[in-house]
Protein backbone atom coordinates (compact mmCIF):
# COMPACT_ATOMS: atom_id res chain seq x y z
CA MET A 1 -27.11 48.96 56.37
CA SER A 2 -27.49 45.26 56.29
CA MET A 3 -24.94 42.85 57.63
CA ALA A 4 -24.35 41.59 54.09
CA GLN A 5 -23.47 45.11 53.00
CA GLN A 6 -21.12 45.60 55.99
CA ALA A 7 -19.22 42.33 55.38
CA GLU A 8 -15.99 42.86 53.54
CA PRO A 9 -15.15 40.54 50.75
CA ALA A 10 -12.98 37.65 51.80
CA ALA A 11 -9.42 37.79 50.62
CA THR A 12 -8.50 35.03 48.23
CA THR A 13 -5.07 33.56 48.40
CA PRO A 14 -3.66 31.23 45.78
CA PRO A 15 -3.23 27.64 46.93
CA ALA A 16 0.17 26.74 48.16
CA PRO A 17 2.17 24.99 45.50
CA GLY A 18 2.46 21.27 46.02
CA PRO A 19 5.75 19.49 46.27
CA GLU A 20 7.69 19.56 43.04
CA LYS A 21 7.37 16.32 41.09
CA GLN A 22 10.59 14.44 41.32
CA LYS A 23 11.87 12.38 38.44
CA ASP A 24 13.47 9.08 39.27
CA GLY A 25 15.76 7.05 37.09
CA ARG A 26 12.80 5.27 35.51
CA THR A 27 11.01 8.38 34.27
CA ALA A 28 13.90 10.79 33.64
CA ARG A 29 14.57 11.27 29.94
CA ARG A 30 18.14 10.48 29.14
CA PRO A 31 20.18 12.91 27.02
CA LEU A 32 20.23 12.28 23.29
CA ALA A 33 23.92 11.36 23.36
CA LEU A 34 23.31 8.55 25.87
CA ARG A 35 20.33 7.29 23.89
CA LEU A 36 22.49 7.15 20.75
CA LEU A 37 25.25 5.34 22.62
CA ALA A 38 22.73 2.72 23.70
CA ARG A 39 22.36 1.68 20.06
CA PRO A 40 24.60 -1.35 19.33
CA GLU A 41 25.66 -0.07 15.91
CA VAL A 42 27.02 3.31 17.01
CA GLY A 43 30.45 2.04 18.04
CA VAL A 44 31.06 0.13 14.82
CA PHE A 45 29.80 3.06 12.73
CA LEU A 46 32.42 5.32 14.29
CA GLY A 47 35.02 2.61 13.74
CA ALA A 48 34.04 2.18 10.10
CA VAL A 49 34.33 5.93 9.52
CA ALA A 50 37.78 5.94 11.14
CA VAL A 51 38.99 3.01 9.00
CA LEU A 52 37.63 4.65 5.83
CA VAL A 53 39.34 7.97 6.59
CA PHE A 54 42.58 6.15 7.43
CA PHE A 55 42.74 4.37 4.08
CA LEU A 56 41.59 7.42 2.15
CA PHE A 57 44.80 9.11 3.28
CA THR A 58 47.17 6.13 3.26
CA ALA A 59 45.90 4.41 0.10
CA PRO A 60 45.02 7.01 -2.59
CA PRO A 61 43.59 4.39 -5.02
CA VAL A 62 40.71 3.91 -2.56
CA ARG A 63 39.38 7.29 -3.65
CA ASP A 64 38.69 5.91 -7.13
CA GLY A 65 35.11 4.84 -7.85
CA SER A 66 36.04 1.41 -9.19
CA SER A 67 38.15 0.73 -6.09
CA MET A 68 35.27 1.63 -3.80
CA ALA A 69 32.97 -0.61 -5.85
CA ASN A 70 35.43 -3.47 -5.33
CA ILE A 71 35.52 -2.76 -1.59
CA LEU A 72 31.73 -2.81 -1.42
CA TYR A 73 31.70 -6.09 -3.33
CA GLN A 74 34.11 -7.72 -0.88
CA SER A 75 32.04 -6.34 1.99
CA SER A 76 28.79 -7.65 0.52
CA THR A 77 29.98 -11.25 0.22
CA ILE A 78 30.84 -11.15 3.92
CA GLY A 79 27.85 -9.05 4.91
CA ILE A 80 25.18 -11.27 3.36
CA MET A 81 26.30 -14.14 5.60
CA ALA A 82 27.04 -11.90 8.59
CA LEU A 83 23.37 -10.82 8.75
CA PRO A 84 21.79 -14.24 9.55
CA VAL A 85 24.80 -15.08 11.73
CA ALA A 86 24.11 -11.87 13.68
CA LEU A 87 20.42 -12.73 14.09
CA LEU A 88 21.45 -16.15 15.37
CA MET A 89 23.86 -14.55 17.84
CA ILE A 90 21.16 -12.20 19.09
CA GLY A 91 19.12 -15.36 19.63
CA GLY A 92 21.89 -16.67 21.87
CA GLU A 93 23.64 -19.14 19.52
CA PHE A 94 26.32 -19.20 16.84
CA ASP A 95 27.18 -21.45 13.91
CA LEU A 96 30.69 -22.75 13.22
CA SER A 97 29.56 -24.60 10.08
CA ALA A 98 28.52 -21.49 8.15
CA GLY A 99 31.72 -21.27 6.09
CA VAL A 100 31.77 -24.84 4.79
CA ALA A 101 27.98 -24.75 4.36
CA VAL A 102 28.51 -22.11 1.67
CA VAL A 103 30.74 -24.53 -0.25
CA THR A 104 28.32 -27.41 0.34
CA SER A 105 25.49 -25.51 -1.34
CA ALA A 106 27.66 -24.56 -4.33
CA LEU A 107 28.96 -28.12 -4.74
CA THR A 108 25.43 -29.53 -4.59
CA ALA A 109 24.10 -27.23 -7.30
CA SER A 110 27.12 -27.69 -9.54
CA MET A 111 27.49 -31.46 -9.40
CA LEU A 112 23.76 -32.18 -9.60
CA SER A 113 23.35 -29.97 -12.66
CA TYR A 114 26.46 -31.19 -14.46
CA GLN A 115 26.34 -34.90 -13.69
CA LEU A 116 22.62 -35.24 -14.47
CA THR A 117 22.71 -32.66 -17.32
CA LEU A 118 19.85 -30.71 -15.77
CA ASN A 119 18.93 -27.08 -16.05
CA VAL A 120 21.07 -25.31 -13.47
CA TRP A 121 17.97 -23.97 -11.73
CA MET A 122 17.20 -27.52 -10.65
CA GLY A 123 20.58 -27.64 -8.96
CA VAL A 124 19.93 -24.25 -7.37
CA ILE A 125 16.61 -25.42 -5.90
CA VAL A 126 18.05 -28.69 -4.58
CA ALA A 127 20.98 -26.78 -3.07
CA LEU A 128 18.50 -24.54 -1.24
CA VAL A 129 16.74 -27.59 0.19
CA VAL A 130 20.08 -29.06 1.31
CA SER A 131 21.18 -25.80 2.93
CA LEU A 132 17.91 -25.40 4.82
CA ALA A 133 18.15 -29.05 5.89
CA VAL A 134 21.63 -28.45 7.33
CA GLY A 135 20.32 -25.47 9.26
CA PHE A 136 17.32 -27.46 10.47
CA PHE A 137 19.60 -30.28 11.64
CA ASN A 138 21.75 -27.88 13.64
CA GLY A 139 18.74 -26.27 15.31
CA TRP A 140 16.92 -29.54 15.94
CA MET A 141 20.01 -31.18 17.45
CA LEU A 142 20.53 -28.15 19.68
CA VAL A 143 17.02 -28.07 21.13
CA ARG A 144 16.71 -31.85 21.40
CA THR A 145 20.01 -32.47 23.19
CA GLY A 146 20.57 -29.21 25.00
CA LEU A 147 24.20 -29.27 23.87
CA PRO A 148 25.97 -25.93 23.32
CA SER A 149 25.78 -24.64 19.77
CA PHE A 150 29.58 -24.64 19.73
CA LEU A 151 29.68 -28.44 19.94
CA VAL A 152 26.73 -29.10 17.64
CA THR A 153 27.94 -26.86 14.82
CA LEU A 154 31.56 -27.92 15.26
CA GLY A 155 30.42 -31.47 14.53
CA THR A 156 28.48 -30.27 11.50
CA PHE A 157 31.52 -28.32 10.35
CA LEU A 158 33.70 -31.43 10.39
CA ILE A 159 31.02 -33.57 8.72
CA LEU A 160 30.48 -31.09 5.89
CA GLN A 161 34.20 -30.54 5.40
CA GLY A 162 34.77 -34.26 4.96
CA VAL A 163 31.70 -34.81 2.79
CA ASN A 164 32.61 -31.88 0.53
CA LEU A 165 36.01 -33.35 -0.25
CA ALA A 166 35.05 -37.04 -0.39
CA VAL A 167 31.90 -36.69 -2.51
CA THR A 168 33.54 -34.27 -4.95
CA LYS A 169 36.45 -36.66 -5.54
CA LEU A 170 34.07 -39.58 -5.86
CA VAL A 171 31.79 -37.88 -8.39
CA THR A 172 34.23 -35.79 -10.43
CA GLY A 173 37.54 -37.54 -9.78
CA ASN A 174 38.98 -34.20 -8.76
CA VAL A 175 38.88 -31.71 -5.87
CA ALA A 176 36.93 -29.20 -7.97
CA THR A 177 33.68 -29.40 -9.92
CA ASP A 178 33.40 -29.13 -13.70
CA SER A 179 32.45 -25.82 -15.29
CA ILE A 180 28.72 -25.31 -15.82
CA ALA A 181 29.06 -22.09 -17.83
CA ASP A 182 27.58 -23.64 -21.00
CA MET A 183 24.56 -25.30 -19.35
CA ASP A 184 20.91 -24.32 -19.68
CA GLY A 185 19.79 -21.63 -17.26
CA PHE A 186 23.31 -20.49 -16.40
CA ASP A 187 22.95 -16.98 -17.82
CA GLN A 188 19.62 -16.41 -16.03
CA ALA A 189 21.02 -17.64 -12.71
CA LYS A 190 24.14 -15.55 -13.13
CA ALA A 191 21.96 -12.47 -13.65
CA VAL A 192 20.31 -13.07 -10.27
CA PHE A 193 23.33 -14.09 -8.19
CA ALA A 194 26.47 -12.72 -9.84
CA SER A 195 25.73 -10.02 -12.39
CA SER A 196 26.97 -6.42 -12.46
CA PHE A 197 25.39 -3.10 -13.35
CA GLU A 198 26.85 0.27 -14.19
CA VAL A 199 26.60 3.36 -11.97
CA GLY A 200 28.37 6.47 -13.22
CA GLY A 201 30.69 4.43 -15.40
CA VAL A 202 31.59 2.07 -12.54
CA GLN A 203 30.65 -1.61 -12.52
CA VAL A 204 28.88 -2.58 -9.29
CA LYS A 205 28.13 -6.18 -8.34
CA ILE A 206 24.51 -7.19 -7.76
CA THR A 207 25.50 -8.64 -4.38
CA VAL A 208 25.82 -5.08 -3.03
CA ILE A 209 22.11 -4.51 -3.71
CA TRP A 210 21.14 -7.87 -2.24
CA TRP A 211 23.25 -7.08 0.83
CA LEU A 212 21.42 -3.80 1.47
CA VAL A 213 18.01 -5.35 0.78
CA PHE A 214 18.66 -8.19 3.23
CA ALA A 215 19.93 -5.70 5.82
CA ALA A 216 16.77 -3.60 5.51
CA LEU A 217 14.58 -6.69 5.75
CA ALA A 218 16.45 -8.00 8.79
CA THR A 219 16.17 -4.60 10.51
CA TRP A 220 12.43 -4.52 9.89
CA VAL A 221 12.04 -8.05 11.25
CA LEU A 222 14.00 -7.26 14.41
CA LEU A 223 12.31 -3.96 15.21
CA ARG A 224 8.80 -4.27 13.82
CA THR A 225 7.67 -7.89 14.07
CA LYS A 226 6.71 -10.36 16.74
CA TYR A 227 9.38 -12.71 15.46
CA GLY A 228 11.99 -10.05 16.16
CA ASN A 229 10.78 -9.84 19.76
CA TRP A 230 11.08 -13.62 20.00
CA ILE A 231 14.72 -13.44 18.84
CA PHE A 232 15.65 -10.96 21.55
CA ALA A 233 13.64 -12.90 24.14
CA VAL A 234 15.24 -16.31 23.52
CA GLY A 235 18.67 -14.70 23.39
CA GLY A 236 18.15 -12.91 26.69
CA ASN A 237 16.71 -15.82 28.67
CA LYS A 238 15.11 -18.75 26.88
CA ASP A 239 13.46 -20.14 30.04
CA SER A 240 11.76 -16.83 30.80
CA ALA A 241 10.81 -16.49 27.13
CA ARG A 242 9.22 -19.94 27.17
CA ALA A 243 7.34 -19.06 30.36
CA VAL A 244 5.64 -16.10 28.65
CA GLY A 245 4.66 -18.10 25.57
CA VAL A 246 7.54 -17.53 23.16
CA PRO A 247 8.00 -20.56 20.82
CA VAL A 248 11.64 -21.12 21.72
CA THR A 249 12.09 -24.31 19.68
CA PHE A 250 10.66 -22.75 16.51
CA THR A 251 12.71 -19.58 16.95
CA LYS A 252 16.01 -21.40 17.48
CA ILE A 253 15.53 -23.81 14.56
CA SER A 254 14.35 -21.09 12.19
CA LEU A 255 17.39 -18.93 13.02
CA PHE A 256 19.72 -21.78 12.08
CA MET A 257 17.73 -22.24 8.87
CA LEU A 258 18.21 -18.54 8.10
CA VAL A 259 21.95 -19.14 8.31
CA GLY A 260 21.42 -22.02 5.88
CA PHE A 261 19.61 -19.66 3.52
CA GLY A 262 22.50 -17.19 3.68
CA ALA A 263 24.97 -19.98 2.98
CA TRP A 264 22.92 -21.03 -0.05
CA PHE A 265 22.79 -17.51 -1.45
CA VAL A 266 26.53 -16.86 -1.07
CA GLY A 267 27.25 -20.33 -2.43
CA MET A 268 25.21 -19.58 -5.54
CA HIS A 269 27.05 -16.32 -6.01
CA ASN A 270 30.40 -18.09 -5.81
CA LEU A 271 29.29 -20.78 -8.24
CA PHE A 272 27.95 -18.42 -10.90
CA SER A 273 30.88 -16.02 -10.50
CA PHE A 274 33.59 -18.63 -11.12
CA ASN A 275 31.61 -21.41 -12.89
CA THR A 276 33.32 -24.04 -10.72
CA VAL A 277 33.85 -24.73 -7.00
CA GLN A 278 36.87 -25.88 -5.01
CA SER A 279 35.67 -28.45 -2.48
CA GLY A 280 38.23 -27.55 0.20
CA GLU A 281 37.28 -23.89 0.49
CA GLY A 282 35.20 -22.23 3.20
CA VAL A 283 37.28 -23.27 6.20
CA GLY A 284 37.86 -20.24 8.43
CA GLN A 285 35.15 -18.09 6.83
CA GLU A 286 32.78 -18.84 9.71
CA LEU A 287 35.09 -16.90 12.02
CA ILE A 288 34.97 -13.94 9.63
CA TYR A 289 31.17 -13.93 9.72
CA ILE A 290 31.06 -14.20 13.51
CA ALA A 291 33.72 -11.50 13.89
CA ALA A 292 31.76 -9.14 11.59
CA ALA A 293 28.68 -9.65 13.78
CA VAL A 294 30.67 -9.10 16.99
CA ILE A 295 32.32 -5.98 15.59
CA GLY A 296 28.81 -4.90 14.61
CA GLY A 297 27.73 -4.88 18.26
CA CYS A 298 26.25 -8.36 18.76
CA LEU A 299 27.10 -10.00 22.07
CA LEU A 300 28.29 -13.60 22.26
CA THR A 301 25.95 -14.00 25.26
CA GLY A 302 22.89 -13.15 23.11
CA GLY A 303 19.94 -10.83 23.57
CA TYR A 304 21.66 -7.70 22.22
CA GLY A 305 22.54 -6.43 18.77
CA SER A 306 21.14 -5.13 15.51
CA ALA A 307 21.14 -5.87 11.80
CA ILE A 308 22.72 -2.53 10.87
CA GLY A 309 25.83 -3.06 12.99
CA PRO A 310 27.02 -6.12 11.01
CA VAL A 311 26.66 -4.08 7.82
CA PHE A 312 29.29 -1.66 9.10
CA GLY A 313 31.29 -4.60 10.48
CA ALA A 314 31.39 -6.26 7.06
CA PHE A 315 32.31 -2.93 5.46
CA MET A 316 35.26 -2.63 7.83
CA PHE A 317 36.42 -6.11 6.79
CA GLY A 318 36.14 -5.27 3.09
CA MET A 319 37.80 -1.90 3.62
CA VAL A 320 40.80 -3.40 5.44
CA GLN A 321 41.12 -6.36 3.08
CA GLN A 322 41.27 -4.20 -0.04
CA GLY A 323 42.80 -1.13 1.59
CA ILE A 324 45.95 -3.06 2.50
CA VAL A 325 46.32 -4.10 -1.15
CA TYR A 326 45.73 -0.57 -2.48
CA ALA A 327 48.22 0.81 0.04
CA GLY A 328 50.86 -1.59 -1.28
CA TRP A 329 51.39 -3.31 2.06
CA ASN A 330 52.08 -6.96 2.70
CA PRO A 331 48.69 -8.77 2.62
CA ASP A 332 49.90 -10.91 5.50
CA TRP A 333 49.04 -8.00 7.77
CA PHE A 334 45.34 -8.52 7.03
CA LYS A 335 44.86 -11.05 9.84
CA ALA A 336 46.68 -8.80 12.28
CA PHE A 337 44.36 -5.92 11.35
CA LEU A 338 41.35 -8.17 11.86
CA GLY A 339 42.55 -9.11 15.33
CA VAL A 340 43.07 -5.46 16.27
CA MET A 341 39.63 -4.58 14.87
CA LEU A 342 37.96 -7.38 16.80
CA LEU A 343 39.58 -6.50 20.13
CA GLY A 344 38.94 -2.80 19.53
CA ALA A 345 35.29 -3.43 18.71
CA VAL A 346 34.78 -5.51 21.85
CA LEU A 347 36.34 -2.79 24.01
CA ILE A 348 34.30 -0.06 22.30
CA ASN A 349 31.08 -2.04 22.71
CA LEU A 350 31.87 -2.57 26.39
CA TRP A 351 32.50 1.14 26.87
CA VAL A 352 29.34 2.06 24.97
CA GLN A 353 27.18 -0.23 27.11
CA ARG A 354 28.65 1.04 30.37
CA THR A 355 28.30 4.65 29.30
CA ALA A 356 24.71 4.16 28.13
CA THR A 357 23.63 2.48 31.37
CA ARG A 358 25.47 4.88 33.72
CA ARG A 359 23.32 7.76 35.02
């Protein structure tokens, strides 16, 4: 018998298992609940649901379709402006002139069309140019001087407030513009900016559709485009963003011009809804727009937020504003409700951020 035949087969033993792979905080997958809490719009969504349920029980007329359409309309007029204001806040700035800029755009279109007997679309186009120019001025002054946006836009706010009143009195001899309802192009412009359509027997304002379209577009820009990355970058740290090639100057100025565009659109809606404009209006609205963005999860420090959150924030404003009326309460409580909502939203956002970042 050969030695090969006498040799017993060698026993095979499985290799010893290696050390178990440890997951650190960077690679561990967080639970779904924490990932949802990290979204800036979650807190305001829960708040909006709570406010809706509250008024459904305390104000029965809210359950009617026409009442809900009116609530959505009020929300849309706030929400259309709250969207660009929110993008600007994510970019690290805010605009105190947004409220009076709405009136400036409406006054421009109305007086130009009426005094020069032009087609109203000419006034609309010129008003757009003026609104974008105001936004450009705010952004350019900010990046050129390095002054806080609070000071720059506060100055613009005062300038526009004075110009609105003085120019209107000078041109029309009154504090309001003349009606343009019988001028060429009015019906076509009204169809774009202030018309209504019927859904299930309920009249719904076109601004609700524009509001949702703008919200979808803003969400896509923030989450799917390079420009959206620039907004978050300049809001987080503009010096670091500039160091990696982000065009900080362009981003800041364009964000202010987006606010100008929003002011133009809402101004045109107001003009073609009421045919005339009061030159002293708009004061205080800028705080409503900023508050809707803050309630929607945008931080005053910049670099954090979404476009969906301000949609729910604006809905909460519209819900409270109309819900108080439908409940038969004193409308003077509206401001008190807004203050409670604002403080509550800030506390909820703070809790959400701490919970989402805690292991």
